Amino acid sequence: MIKLAFLTMLITLSFGLTINKEQINPCATCDYVVDFVFTEVTQYNKTIHDIAELTKDLCDEIGGPVVKQECDFILNNLENIMDWIQKGFTPDQVCEELGFCSKEFDWWSKFLYYYSFM
């Protein structure tokens, strides 16, 4: 938890970025969380238990009822998500597979979600 909080603070301070909660949408939230899982699987080779705990912490940091519902769904499908990642799926493809995104999702909305300034 401390590591996650420190990392979040470091990223926010480094780039001056914050998540604007008014811009949260299911596709962008899924992509954000699955990208986190993707990094933990591909770069740090974390176990499913470790990733579940870190993902819960990340979701708590983001907060909100939409995020909670999506995070619960993602956590319940974590084994499939990790399997898809190991098969070469990107976070976008995983979120499409889960039904949160479509191929037509507006990339600009995702950009604004990740890089919104307060």
PDB file of N, CA and C in Angstrom:
ATOM      1  N   MET A   1       0.831  -1.189   0.000  1.00  0.00           N
ATOM      2  CA  MET A   1       0.000   0.000   0.000  1.00  0.00           C
ATOM      3  C   MET A   1       0.875   1.252   0.000  1.00  0.00           C
ATOM      4  N   ILE A   2       1.911   1.252   0.813  1.00  0.00           N
ATOM      5  CA  ILE A   2       2.800   2.406   0.888  1.00  0.00           C
ATOM      6  C   ILE A   2       3.508   2.599  -0.451  1.00  0.00           C
ATOM      7  N   LYS A   3       3.940   1.481  -1.059  1.00  0.00           N
ATOM      8  CA  LYS A   3       4.614   1.549  -2.353  1.00  0.00           C
ATOM      9  C   LYS A   3       3.686   2.147  -3.404  1.00  0.00           C
ATOM     10  N   LEU A   4       2.429   1.709  -3.419  1.00  0.00           N
ATOM     11  CA  LEU A   4       1.458   2.217  -4.385  1.00  0.00           C
ATOM     12  C   LEU A   4       1.197   3.703  -4.155  1.00  0.00           C
ATOM     13  N   ALA A   5       1.019   4.094  -2.906  1.00  0.00           N
ATOM     14  CA  ALA A   5       0.762   5.504  -2.596  1.00  0.00           C
ATOM     15  C   ALA A   5       1.949   6.366  -3.012  1.00  0.00           C
ATOM     16  N   PHE A   6       3.154   5.883  -2.737  1.00  0.00           N
ATOM     17  CA  PHE A   6       4.355   6.620  -3.125  1.00  0.00           C
ATOM     18  C   PHE A   6       4.451   6.739  -4.640  1.00  0.00           C
ATOM     19  N   LEU A   7       4.198   5.636  -5.346  1.00  0.00           N
ATOM     20  CA  LEU A   7       4.264   5.650  -6.798  1.00  0.00           C
ATOM     21  C   LEU A   7       3.229   6.601  -7.383  1.00  0.00           C
ATOM     22  N   THR A   8       2.007   6.574  -6.864  1.00  0.00           N
ATOM     23  CA  THR A   8       0.951   7.472  -7.327  1.00  0.00           C
ATOM     24  C   THR A   8       1.346   8.920  -7.094  1.00  0.00           C
ATOM     25  N   MET A   9       1.866   9.214  -5.908  1.00  0.00           N
ATOM     26  CA  MET A   9       2.285  10.572  -5.587  1.00  0.00           C
ATOM     27  C   MET A   9       3.423  11.010  -6.505  1.00  0.00           C
ATOM     28  N   LEU A  10       4.380  10.126  -6.739  1.00  0.00           N
ATOM     29  CA  LEU A  10       5.517  10.448  -7.586  1.00  0.00           C
ATOM     30  C   LEU A  10       5.073  10.755  -9.011  1.00  0.00           C
ATOM     31  N   ILE A  11       4.191   9.939  -9.547  1.00  0.00           N
ATOM     32  CA  ILE A  11       3.694  10.169 -10.905  1.00  0.00           C
ATOM     33  C   ILE A  11       2.929  11.483 -10.972  1.00  0.00           C
ATOM     34  N   THR A  12       2.067  11.717  -9.992  1.00  0.00           N
ATOM     35  CA  THR A  12       1.279  12.946  -9.976  1.00  0.00           C
ATOM     36  C   THR A  12       2.172  14.175  -9.893  1.00  0.00           C
ATOM     37  N   LEU A  13       3.175  14.132  -9.018  1.00  0.00           N
ATOM     38  CA  LEU A  13       4.076  15.275  -8.875  1.00  0.00           C
ATOM     39  C   LEU A  13       4.966  15.438 -10.095  1.00  0.00           C
ATOM     40  N   SER A  14       5.421  14.318 -10.674  1.00  0.00           N
ATOM     41  CA  SER A  14       6.329  14.387 -11.815  1.00  0.00           C
ATOM     42  C   SER A  14       5.666  15.004 -13.028  1.00  0.00           C
ATOM     43  N   PHE A  15       4.427  14.652 -13.262  1.00  0.00           N
ATOM     44  CA  PHE A  15       3.761  15.106 -14.464  1.00  0.00           C
ATOM     45  C   PHE A  15       2.692  16.163 -14.200  1.00  0.00           C
ATOM     46  N   GLY A  16       2.433  16.463 -12.935  1.00  0.00           N
ATOM     47  CA  GLY A  16       1.393  17.420 -12.614  1.00  0.00           C
ATOM     48  C   GLY A  16       0.017  16.912 -13.006  1.00  0.00           C
ATOM     49  N   LEU A  17      -0.176  15.597 -12.955  1.00  0.00           N
ATOM     50  CA  LEU A  17      -1.410  14.992 -13.419  1.00  0.00           C
ATOM     51  C   LEU A  17      -2.286  14.566 -12.263  1.00  0.00           C
ATOM     52  N   THR A  18      -3.580  14.659 -12.489  1.00  0.00           N
ATOM     53  CA  THR A  18      -4.550  14.120 -11.551  1.00  0.00           C
ATOM     54  C   THR A  18      -5.673  13.490 -12.350  1.00  0.00           C
ATOM     55  N   ILE A  19      -6.406  12.604 -11.713  1.00  0.00           N
ATOM     56  CA  ILE A  19      -7.564  12.007 -12.363  1.00  0.00           C
ATOM     57  C   ILE A  19      -8.763  12.875 -12.048  1.00  0.00           C
ATOM     58  N   ASN A  20      -9.386  13.395 -13.072  1.00  0.00           N
ATOM     59  CA  ASN A  20     -10.585  14.186 -12.920  1.00  0.00           C
ATOM     60  C   ASN A  20     -11.762  13.220 -12.832  1.00  0.00           C
ATOM     61  N   LYS A  21     -12.365  13.094 -11.667  1.00  0.00           N
ATOM     62  CA  LYS A  21     -13.406  12.091 -11.455  1.00  0.00           C
ATOM     63  C   LYS A  21     -14.636  12.311 -12.320  1.00  0.00           C
ATOM     64  N   GLU A  22     -14.827  13.536 -12.836  1.00  0.00           N
ATOM     65  CA  GLU A  22     -15.955  13.787 -13.729  1.00  0.00           C
ATOM     66  C   GLU A  22     -15.753  13.134 -15.088  1.00  0.00           C
ATOM     67  N   GLN A  23     -14.524  12.781 -15.425  1.00  0.00           N
ATOM     68  CA  GLN A  23     -14.234  12.191 -16.723  1.00  0.00           C
ATOM     69  C   GLN A  23     -14.143  10.667 -16.669  1.00  0.00           C
ATOM     70  N   ILE A  24     -14.444  10.076 -15.528  1.00  0.00           N
ATOM     71  CA  ILE A  24     -14.367   8.629 -15.415  1.00  0.00           C
ATOM     72  C   ILE A  24     -15.451   8.004 -16.264  1.00  0.00           C
ATOM     73  N   ASN A  25     -15.055   7.067 -17.098  1.00  0.00           N
ATOM     74  CA  ASN A  25     -16.005   6.290 -17.881  1.00  0.00           C
ATOM     75  C   ASN A  25     -15.541   4.841 -17.839  1.00  0.00           C
ATOM     76  N   PRO A  26     -16.446   3.907 -18.078  1.00  0.00           N
ATOM     77  CA  PRO A  26     -16.093   2.489 -17.920  1.00  0.00           C
ATOM     78  C   PRO A  26     -14.905   2.032 -18.760  1.00  0.00           C
ATOM     79  N   CYS A  27     -14.818   2.460 -20.013  1.00  0.00           N
ATOM     80  CA  CYS A  27     -13.727   2.010 -20.867  1.00  0.00           C
ATOM     81  C   CYS A  27     -12.381   2.543 -20.370  1.00  0.00           C
ATOM     82  N   ALA A  28     -12.328   3.818 -20.083  1.00  0.00           N
ATOM     83  CA  ALA A  28     -11.072   4.419 -19.628  1.00  0.00           C
ATOM     84  C   ALA A  28     -10.645   3.859 -18.284  1.00  0.00           C
ATOM     85  N   THR A  29     -11.608   3.631 -17.399  1.00  0.00           N
ATOM     86  CA  THR A  29     -11.282   3.058 -16.090  1.00  0.00           C
ATOM     87  C   THR A  29     -10.731   1.650 -16.259  1.00  0.00           C
ATOM     88  N   CYS A  30     -11.389   0.845 -17.080  1.00  0.00           N
ATOM     89  CA  CYS A  30     -10.919  -0.508 -17.334  1.00  0.00           C
ATOM     90  C   CYS A  30      -9.507  -0.469 -17.906  1.00  0.00           C
ATOM     91  N   ASP A  31      -9.291   0.382 -18.888  1.00  0.00           N
ATOM     92  CA  ASP A  31      -7.975   0.463 -19.520  1.00  0.00           C
ATOM     93  C   ASP A  31      -6.903   0.871 -18.512  1.00  0.00           C
ATOM     94  N   TYR A  32      -7.228   1.803 -17.654  1.00  0.00           N
ATOM     95  CA  TYR A  32      -6.285   2.267 -16.633  1.00  0.00           C
ATOM     96  C   TYR A  32      -5.913   1.130 -15.680  1.00  0.00           C
ATOM     97  N   VAL A  33      -6.929   0.407 -15.187  1.00  0.00           N
ATOM     98  CA  VAL A  33      -6.693  -0.673 -14.229  1.00  0.00           C
ATOM     99  C   VAL A  33      -6.005  -1.861 -14.908  1.00  0.00           C
ATOM    100  N   VAL A  34      -6.458  -2.231 -16.095  1.00  0.00           N
ATOM    101  CA  VAL A  34      -5.845  -3.364 -16.797  1.00  0.00           C
ATOM    102  C   VAL A  34      -4.419  -3.039 -17.228  1.00  0.00           C
ATOM    103  N   ASP A  35      -4.149  -1.787 -17.576  1.00  0.00           N
ATOM    104  CA  ASP A  35      -2.782  -1.390 -17.893  1.00  0.00           C
ATOM    105  C   ASP A  35      -1.880  -1.576 -16.674  1.00  0.00           C
ATOM    106  N   PHE A  36      -2.412  -1.264 -15.502  1.00  0.00           N
ATOM    107  CA  PHE A  36      -1.672  -1.491 -14.262  1.00  0.00           C
ATOM    108  C   PHE A  36      -1.384  -2.988 -14.092  1.00  0.00           C
ATOM    109  N   VAL A  37      -2.405  -3.834 -14.281  1.00  0.00           N
ATOM    110  CA  VAL A  37      -2.235  -5.292 -14.176  1.00  0.00           C
ATOM    111  C   VAL A  37      -1.224  -5.761 -15.219  1.00  0.00           C
ATOM    112  N   PHE A  38      -1.337  -5.247 -16.436  1.00  0.00           N
ATOM    113  CA  PHE A  38      -0.426  -5.597 -17.525  1.00  0.00           C
ATOM    114  C   PHE A  38       1.029  -5.348 -17.115  1.00  0.00           C
ATOM    115  N   THR A  39       1.288  -4.190 -16.542  1.00  0.00           N
ATOM    116  CA  THR A  39       2.640  -3.843 -16.108  1.00  0.00           C
ATOM    117  C   THR A  39       3.124  -4.795 -15.012  1.00  0.00           C
ATOM    118  N   GLU A  40       2.254  -5.080 -14.063  1.00  0.00           N
ATOM    119  CA  GLU A  40       2.635  -5.972 -12.966  1.00  0.00           C
ATOM    120  C   GLU A  40       2.942  -7.387 -13.468  1.00  0.00           C
ATOM    121  N   VAL A  41       2.214  -7.828 -14.483  1.00  0.00           N
ATOM    122  CA  VAL A  41       2.426  -9.175 -15.039  1.00  0.00           C
ATOM    123  C   VAL A  41       3.676  -9.207 -15.914  1.00  0.00           C
ATOM    124  N   THR A  42       3.779  -8.262 -16.845  1.00  0.00           N
ATOM    125  CA  THR A  42       4.843  -8.329 -17.849  1.00  0.00           C
ATOM    126  C   THR A  42       6.195  -7.818 -17.362  1.00  0.00           C
ATOM    127  N   GLN A  43       6.196  -6.831 -16.472  1.00  0.00           N
ATOM    128  CA  GLN A  43       7.469  -6.262 -16.047  1.00  0.00           C
ATOM    129  C   GLN A  43       7.940  -6.759 -14.695  1.00  0.00           C
ATOM    130  N   TYR A  44       6.986  -7.068 -13.809  1.00  0.00           N
ATOM    131  CA  TYR A  44       7.390  -7.437 -12.453  1.00  0.00           C
ATOM    132  C   TYR A  44       7.075  -8.883 -12.098  1.00  0.00           C
ATOM    133  N   ASN A  45       6.422  -9.604 -13.021  1.00  0.00           N
ATOM    134  CA  ASN A  45       6.138 -11.022 -12.839  1.00  0.00           C
ATOM    135  C   ASN A  45       5.491 -11.321 -11.484  1.00  0.00           C
ATOM    136  N   LYS A  46       4.524 -10.489 -11.103  1.00  0.00           N
ATOM    137  CA  LYS A  46       3.828 -10.645  -9.817  1.00  0.00           C
ATOM    138  C   LYS A  46       2.870 -11.831  -9.865  1.00  0.00           C
ATOM    139  N   THR A  47       2.584 -12.376  -8.691  1.00  0.00           N
ATOM    140  CA  THR A  47       1.616 -13.468  -8.579  1.00  0.00           C
ATOM    141  C   THR A  47       0.204 -12.903  -8.634  1.00  0.00           C
ATOM    142  N   ILE A  48      -0.764 -13.772  -8.872  1.00  0.00           N
ATOM    143  CA  ILE A  48      -2.162 -13.346  -8.933  1.00  0.00           C
ATOM    144  C   ILE A  48      -2.597 -12.744  -7.597  1.00  0.00           C
ATOM    145  N   HIS A  49      -2.107 -13.297  -6.493  1.00  0.00           N
ATOM    146  CA  HIS A  49      -2.450 -12.752  -5.167  1.00  0.00           C
ATOM    147  C   HIS A  49      -1.896 -11.333  -5.013  1.00  0.00           C
ATOM    148  N   ASP A  50      -0.634 -11.140  -5.382  1.00  0.00           N
ATOM    149  CA  ASP A  50      -0.017  -9.809  -5.289  1.00  0.00           C
ATOM    150  C   ASP A  50      -0.754  -8.800  -6.163  1.00  0.00           C
ATOM    151  N   ILE A  51      -1.071  -9.213  -7.384  1.00  0.00           N
ATOM    152  CA  ILE A  51      -1.753  -8.315  -8.308  1.00  0.00           C
ATOM    153  C   ILE A  51      -3.147  -7.971  -7.802  1.00  0.00           C
ATOM    154  N   ALA A  52      -3.838  -8.950  -7.229  1.00  0.00           N
ATOM    155  CA  ALA A  52      -5.178  -8.681  -6.679  1.00  0.00           C
ATOM    156  C   ALA A  52      -5.096  -7.635  -5.578  1.00  0.00           C
ATOM    157  N   GLU A  53      -4.144  -7.769  -4.688  1.00  0.00           N
ATOM    158  CA  GLU A  53      -3.993  -6.804  -3.586  1.00  0.00           C
ATOM    159  C   GLU A  53      -3.629  -5.415  -4.106  1.00  0.00           C
ATOM    160  N   LEU A  54      -2.682  -5.351  -5.041  1.00  0.00           N
ATOM    161  CA  LEU A  54      -2.272  -4.068  -5.603  1.00  0.00           C
ATOM    162  C   LEU A  54      -3.407  -3.413  -6.394  1.00  0.00           C
ATOM    163  N   THR A  55      -4.185  -4.227  -7.102  1.00  0.00           N
ATOM    164  CA  THR A  55      -5.309  -3.704  -7.875  1.00  0.00           C
ATOM    165  C   THR A  55      -6.392  -3.157  -6.948  1.00  0.00           C
ATOM    166  N   LYS A  56      -6.650  -3.850  -5.845  1.00  0.00           N
ATOM    167  CA  LYS A  56      -7.614  -3.340  -4.855  1.00  0.00           C
ATOM    168  C   LYS A  56      -7.154  -1.981  -4.335  1.00  0.00           C
ATOM    169  N   ASP A  57      -5.882  -1.869  -4.030  1.00  0.00           N
ATOM    170  CA  ASP A  57      -5.340  -0.596  -3.537  1.00  0.00           C
ATOM    171  C   ASP A  57      -5.492   0.507  -4.587  1.00  0.00           C
ATOM    172  N   LEU A  58      -5.188   0.182  -5.839  1.00  0.00           N
ATOM    173  CA  LEU A  58      -5.328   1.160  -6.915  1.00  0.00           C
ATOM    174  C   LEU A  58      -6.775   1.608  -7.055  1.00  0.00           C
ATOM    175  N   CYS A  59      -7.693   0.666  -7.020  1.00  0.00           N
ATOM    176  CA  CYS A  59      -9.115   0.997  -7.160  1.00  0.00           C
ATOM    177  C   CYS A  59      -9.597   1.856  -5.993  1.00  0.00           C
ATOM    178  N   ASP A  60      -9.109   1.574  -4.797  1.00  0.00           N
ATOM    179  CA  ASP A  60      -9.459   2.398  -3.641  1.00  0.00           C
ATOM    180  C   ASP A  60      -8.954   3.829  -3.813  1.00  0.00           C
ATOM    181  N   GLU A  61      -7.759   3.956  -4.424  1.00  0.00           N
ATOM    182  CA  GLU A  61      -7.202   5.285  -4.661  1.00  0.00           C
ATOM    183  C   GLU A  61      -8.055   6.078  -5.646  1.00  0.00           C
ATOM    184  N   ILE A  62      -8.549   5.418  -6.685  1.00  0.00           N
ATOM    185  CA  ILE A  62      -9.380   6.093  -7.684  1.00  0.00           C
ATOM    186  C   ILE A  62     -10.740   6.420  -7.081  1.00  0.00           C
ATOM    187  N   GLY A  63     -11.358   5.416  -6.459  1.00  0.00           N
ATOM    188  CA  GLY A  63     -12.634   5.595  -5.760  1.00  0.00           C
ATOM    189  C   GLY A  63     -13.840   5.769  -6.669  1.00  0.00           C
ATOM    190  N   GLY A  64     -15.020   5.802  -6.043  1.00  0.00           N
ATOM    191  CA  GLY A  64     -16.274   6.025  -6.752  1.00  0.00           C
ATOM    192  C   GLY A  64     -17.019   4.738  -7.048  1.00  0.00           C
ATOM    193  N   PRO A  65     -18.354   4.817  -7.168  1.00  0.00           N
ATOM    194  CA  PRO A  65     -19.171   3.620  -7.376  1.00  0.00           C
ATOM    195  C   PRO A  65     -18.948   2.951  -8.736  1.00  0.00           C
ATOM    196  N   VAL A  66     -18.720   3.720  -9.784  1.00  0.00           N
ATOM    197  CA  VAL A  66     -18.468   3.122 -11.099  1.00  0.00           C
ATOM    198  C   VAL A  66     -17.172   2.338 -11.058  1.00  0.00           C
ATOM    199  N   VAL A  67     -16.163   2.927 -10.471  1.00  0.00           N
ATOM    200  CA  VAL A  67     -14.863   2.268 -10.369  1.00  0.00           C
ATOM    201  C   VAL A  67     -14.975   1.005  -9.530  1.00  0.00           C
ATOM    202  N   LYS A  68     -15.709   1.056  -8.429  1.00  0.00           N
ATOM    203  CA  LYS A  68     -15.863  -0.121  -7.573  1.00  0.00           C
ATOM    204  C   LYS A  68     -16.494  -1.274  -8.334  1.00  0.00           C
ATOM    205  N   GLN A  69     -17.552  -1.002  -9.090  1.00  0.00           N
ATOM    206  CA  GLN A  69     -18.210  -2.059  -9.855  1.00  0.00           C
ATOM    207  C   GLN A  69     -17.259  -2.651 -10.889  1.00  0.00           C
ATOM    208  N   GLU A  70     -16.544  -1.806 -11.592  1.00  0.00           N
ATOM    209  CA  GLU A  70     -15.606  -2.295 -12.594  1.00  0.00           C
ATOM    210  C   GLU A  70     -14.453  -3.059 -11.956  1.00  0.00           C
ATOM    211  N   CYS A  71     -13.935  -2.531 -10.877  1.00  0.00           N
ATOM    212  CA  CYS A  71     -12.823  -3.197 -10.213  1.00  0.00           C
ATOM    213  C   CYS A  71     -13.244  -4.555  -9.669  1.00  0.00           C
ATOM    214  N   ASP A  72     -14.428  -4.634  -9.099  1.00  0.00           N
ATOM    215  CA  ASP A  72     -14.924  -5.932  -8.626  1.00  0.00           C
ATOM    216  C   ASP A  72     -14.996  -6.925  -9.782  1.00  0.00           C
ATOM    217  N   PHE A  73     -15.513  -6.465 -10.927  1.00  0.00           N
ATOM    218  CA  PHE A  73     -15.609  -7.319 -12.106  1.00  0.00           C
ATOM    219  C   PHE A  73     -14.222  -7.743 -12.579  1.00  0.00           C
ATOM    220  N   ILE A  74     -13.296  -6.787 -12.627  1.00  0.00           N
ATOM    221  CA  ILE A  74     -11.924  -7.079 -13.059  1.00  0.00           C
ATOM    222  C   ILE A  74     -11.268  -8.058 -12.097  1.00  0.00           C
ATOM    223  N   LEU A  75     -11.428  -7.832 -10.801  1.00  0.00           N
ATOM    224  CA  LEU A  75     -10.834  -8.736  -9.821  1.00  0.00           C
ATOM    225  C   LEU A  75     -11.423 -10.139  -9.920  1.00  0.00           C
ATOM    226  N   ASN A  76     -12.722 -10.233 -10.199  1.00  0.00           N
ATOM    227  CA  ASN A  76     -13.354 -11.545 -10.355  1.00  0.00           C
ATOM    228  C   ASN A  76     -12.892 -12.260 -11.621  1.00  0.00           C
ATOM    229  N   ASN A  77     -12.354 -11.511 -12.574  1.00  0.00           N
ATOM    230  CA  ASN A  77     -11.878 -12.081 -13.830  1.00  0.00           C
ATOM    231  C   ASN A  77     -10.363 -11.989 -13.972  1.00  0.00           C
ATOM    232  N   LEU A  78      -9.678 -11.789 -12.861  1.00  0.00           N
ATOM    233  CA  LEU A  78      -8.235 -11.548 -12.890  1.00  0.00           C
ATOM    234  C   LEU A  78      -7.465 -12.711 -13.514  1.00  0.00           C
ATOM    235  N   GLU A  79      -7.868 -13.915 -13.238  1.00  0.00           N
ATOM    236  CA  GLU A  79      -7.173 -15.074 -13.803  1.00  0.00           C
ATOM    237  C   GLU A  79      -7.268 -15.060 -15.334  1.00  0.00           C
ATOM    238  N   ASN A  80      -8.465 -14.788 -15.872  1.00  0.00           N
ATOM    239  CA  ASN A  80      -8.630 -14.690 -17.331  1.00  0.00           C
ATOM    240  C   ASN A  80      -7.810 -13.538 -17.892  1.00  0.00           C
ATOM    241  N   ILE A  81      -7.834 -12.403 -17.203  1.00  0.00           N
ATOM    242  CA  ILE A  81      -7.092 -11.226 -17.662  1.00  0.00           C
ATOM    243  C   ILE A  81      -5.598 -11.535 -17.747  1.00  0.00           C
ATOM    244  N   MET A  82      -5.066 -12.160 -16.713  1.00  0.00           N
ATOM    245  CA  MET A  82      -3.643 -12.507 -16.711  1.00  0.00           C
ATOM    246  C   MET A  82      -3.332 -13.506 -17.825  1.00  0.00           C
ATOM    247  N   ASP A  83      -4.240 -14.430 -18.064  1.00  0.00           N
ATOM    248  CA  ASP A  83      -4.063 -15.406 -19.139  1.00  0.00           C
ATOM    249  C   ASP A  83      -4.046 -14.703 -20.498  1.00  0.00           C
ATOM    250  N   TRP A  84      -4.981 -13.767 -20.712  1.00  0.00           N
ATOM    251  CA  TRP A  84      -5.017 -13.029 -21.971  1.00  0.00           C
ATOM    252  C   TRP A  84      -3.743 -12.207 -22.160  1.00  0.00           C
ATOM    253  N   ILE A  85      -3.277 -11.581 -21.099  1.00  0.00           N
ATOM    254  CA  ILE A  85      -2.047 -10.783 -21.178  1.00  0.00           C
ATOM    255  C   ILE A  85      -0.875 -11.673 -21.574  1.00  0.00           C
ATOM    256  N   GLN A  86      -0.793 -12.852 -20.964  1.00  0.00           N
ATOM    257  CA  GLN A  86       0.296 -13.770 -21.289  1.00  0.00           C
ATOM    258  C   GLN A  86       0.186 -14.301 -22.721  1.00  0.00           C
ATOM    259  N   LYS A  87      -1.020 -14.260 -23.293  1.00  0.00           N
ATOM    260  CA  LYS A  87      -1.212 -14.665 -24.688  1.00  0.00           C
ATOM    261  C   LYS A  87      -0.947 -13.514 -25.657  1.00  0.00           C
ATOM    262  N   GLY A  88      -0.632 -12.327 -25.130  1.00  0.00           N
ATOM    263  CA  GLY A  88      -0.273 -11.202 -25.983  1.00  0.00           C
ATOM    264  C   GLY A  88      -1.337 -10.135 -26.163  1.00  0.00           C
ATOM    265  N   PHE A  89      -2.442 -10.245 -25.429  1.00  0.00           N
ATOM    266  CA  PHE A  89      -3.471  -9.204 -25.515  1.00  0.00           C
ATOM    267  C   PHE A  89      -2.930  -7.900 -24.938  1.00  0.00           C
ATOM    268  N   THR A  90      -3.343  -6.779 -25.520  1.00  0.00           N
ATOM    269  CA  THR A  90      -3.026  -5.467 -24.966  1.00  0.00           C
ATOM    270  C   THR A  90      -4.124  -5.106 -23.956  1.00  0.00           C
ATOM    271  N   PRO A  91      -3.911  -4.093 -23.107  1.00  0.00           N
ATOM    272  CA  PRO A  91      -4.983  -3.656 -22.203  1.00  0.00           C
ATOM    273  C   PRO A  91      -6.264  -3.280 -22.945  1.00  0.00           C
ATOM    274  N   ASP A  92      -6.141  -2.634 -24.104  1.00  0.00           N
ATOM    275  CA  ASP A  92      -7.327  -2.288 -24.894  1.00  0.00           C
ATOM    276  C   ASP A  92      -8.091  -3.537 -25.312  1.00  0.00           C
ATOM    277  N   GLN A  93      -7.369  -4.550 -25.764  1.00  0.00           N
ATOM    278  CA  GLN A  93      -8.015  -5.789 -26.192  1.00  0.00           C
ATOM    279  C   GLN A  93      -8.671  -6.514 -25.022  1.00  0.00           C
ATOM    280  N   VAL A  94      -8.026  -6.482 -23.852  1.00  0.00           N
ATOM    281  CA  VAL A  94      -8.613  -7.101 -22.663  1.00  0.00           C
ATOM    282  C   VAL A  94      -9.924  -6.406 -22.313  1.00  0.00           C
ATOM    283  N   CYS A  95      -9.935  -5.083 -22.340  1.00  0.00           N
ATOM    284  CA  CYS A  95     -11.154  -4.333 -21.999  1.00  0.00           C
ATOM    285  C   CYS A  95     -12.254  -4.546 -23.037  1.00  0.00           C
ATOM    286  N   GLU A  96     -11.878  -4.740 -24.285  1.00  0.00           N
ATOM    287  CA  GLU A  96     -12.866  -5.101 -25.307  1.00  0.00           C
ATOM    288  C   GLU A  96     -13.442  -6.485 -24.997  1.00  0.00           C
ATOM    289  N   GLU A  97     -12.575  -7.416 -24.643  1.00  0.00           N
ATOM    290  CA  GLU A  97     -12.995  -8.781 -24.327  1.00  0.00           C
ATOM    291  C   GLU A  97     -13.936  -8.793 -23.116  1.00  0.00           C
ATOM    292  N   LEU A  98     -13.668  -7.931 -22.147  1.00  0.00           N
ATOM    293  CA  LEU A  98     -14.504  -7.841 -20.947  1.00  0.00           C
ATOM    294  C   LEU A  98     -15.815  -7.098 -21.205  1.00  0.00           C
ATOM    295  N   GLY A  99     -15.899  -6.391 -22.328  1.00  0.00           N
ATOM    296  CA  GLY A  99     -17.122  -5.682 -22.682  1.00  0.00           C
ATOM    297  C   GLY A  99     -17.183  -4.238 -22.207  1.00  0.00           C
ATOM    298  N   PHE A 100     -16.068  -3.699 -21.708  1.00  0.00           N
ATOM    299  CA  PHE A 100     -16.043  -2.308 -21.255  1.00  0.00           C
ATOM    300  C   PHE A 100     -15.766  -1.329 -22.393  1.00  0.00           C
ATOM    301  N   CYS A 101     -15.097  -1.798 -23.427  1.00  0.00           N
ATOM    302  CA  CYS A 101     -14.710  -0.933 -24.531  1.00  0.00           C
ATOM    303  C   CYS A 101     -15.116  -1.564 -25.854  1.00  0.00           C
ATOM    304  N   SER A 102     -15.201  -0.711 -26.861  1.00  0.00           N
ATOM    305  CA  SER A 102     -15.377  -1.197 -28.221  1.00  0.00           C
ATOM    306  C   SER A 102     -14.227  -0.642 -29.047  1.00  0.00           C
ATOM    307  N   LYS A 103     -14.023  -1.200 -30.206  1.00  0.00           N
ATOM    308  CA  LYS A 103     -12.931  -0.727 -31.056  1.00  0.00           C
ATOM    309  C   LYS A 103     -13.138   0.721 -31.464  1.00  0.00           C
ATOM    310  N   GLU A 104     -14.372   1.177 -31.408  1.00  0.00           N
ATOM    311  CA  GLU A 104     -14.682   2.540 -31.812  1.00  0.00           C
ATOM    312  C   GLU A 104     -14.528   3.539 -30.670  1.00  0.00           C
ATOM    313  N   PHE A 105     -14.049   3.109 -29.493  1.00  0.00           N
ATOM    314  CA  PHE A 105     -13.926   4.020 -28.357  1.00  0.00           C
ATOM    315  C   PHE A 105     -13.069   5.218 -28.741  1.00  0.00           C
ATOM    316  N   ASP A 106     -13.534   6.369 -28.375  1.00  0.00           N
ATOM    317  CA  ASP A 106     -12.871   7.624 -28.698  1.00  0.00           C
ATOM    318  C   ASP A 106     -11.547   7.737 -27.948  1.00  0.00           C
ATOM    319  N   TRP A 107     -10.430   7.659 -28.679  1.00  0.00           N
ATOM    320  CA  TRP A 107      -9.121   7.730 -28.043  1.00  0.00           C
ATOM    321  C   TRP A 107      -8.914   9.069 -27.337  1.00  0.00           C
ATOM    322  N   TRP A 108      -9.576  10.109 -27.802  1.00  0.00           N
ATOM    323  CA  TRP A 108      -9.433  11.418 -27.171  1.00  0.00           C
ATOM    324  C   TRP A 108      -9.991  11.398 -25.750  1.00  0.00           C
ATOM    325  N   SER A 109     -11.116  10.703 -25.528  1.00  0.00           N
ATOM    326  CA  SER A 109     -11.684  10.584 -24.182  1.00  0.00           C
ATOM    327  C   SER A 109     -10.714   9.872 -23.252  1.00  0.00           C
ATOM    328  N   LYS A 110     -10.062   8.844 -23.772  1.00  0.00           N
ATOM    329  CA  LYS A 110      -9.079   8.116 -22.964  1.00  0.00           C
ATOM    330  C   LYS A 110      -7.891   9.019 -22.639  1.00  0.00           C
ATOM    331  N   PHE A 111      -7.449   9.791 -23.623  1.00  0.00           N
ATOM    332  CA  PHE A 111      -6.353  10.718 -23.405  1.00  0.00           C
ATOM    333  C   PHE A 111      -6.708  11.729 -22.317  1.00  0.00           C
ATOM    334  N   LEU A 112      -7.903  12.306 -22.402  1.00  0.00           N
ATOM    335  CA  LEU A 112      -8.330  13.280 -21.398  1.00  0.00           C
ATOM    336  C   LEU A 112      -8.444  12.665 -20.028  1.00  0.00           C
ATOM    337  N   TYR A 113      -8.885  11.406 -19.973  1.00  0.00           N
ATOM    338  CA  TYR A 113      -9.018  10.719 -18.698  1.00  0.00           C
ATOM    339  C   TYR A 113      -7.650  10.574 -18.028  1.00  0.00           C
ATOM    340  N   TYR A 114      -6.662  10.146 -18.791  1.00  0.00           N
ATOM    341  CA  TYR A 114      -5.341   9.912 -18.214  1.00  0.00           C
ATOM    342  C   TYR A 114      -4.587  11.201 -17.911  1.00  0.00           C
ATOM    343  N   TYR A 115      -4.746  12.206 -18.752  1.00  0.00           N
ATOM    344  CA  TYR A 115      -3.893  13.370 -18.662  1.00  0.00           C
ATOM    345  C   TYR A 115      -4.636  14.670 -18.374  1.00  0.00           C
ATOM    346  N   SER A 116      -5.716  14.563 -17.621  1.00  0.00           N
ATOM    347  CA  SER A 116      -6.463  15.782 -17.309  1.00  0.00           C
ATOM    348  C   SER A 116      -5.733  16.588 -16.240  1.00  0.00           C
ATOM    349  N   PHE A 117      -5.740  17.889 -16.439  1.00  0.00           N
ATOM    350  CA  PHE A 117      -5.118  18.801 -15.478  1.00  0.00           C
ATOM    351  C   PHE A 117      -6.210  19.484 -14.651  1.00  0.00           C
ATOM    352  N   MET A 118      -5.934  19.674 -13.401  1.00  0.00           N
ATOM    353  CA  MET A 118      -6.878  20.372 -12.507  1.00  0.00           C
ATOM    354  C   MET A 118      -6.545  21.836 -12.508  1.00  0.00           C
TER     355      MET A 118
END
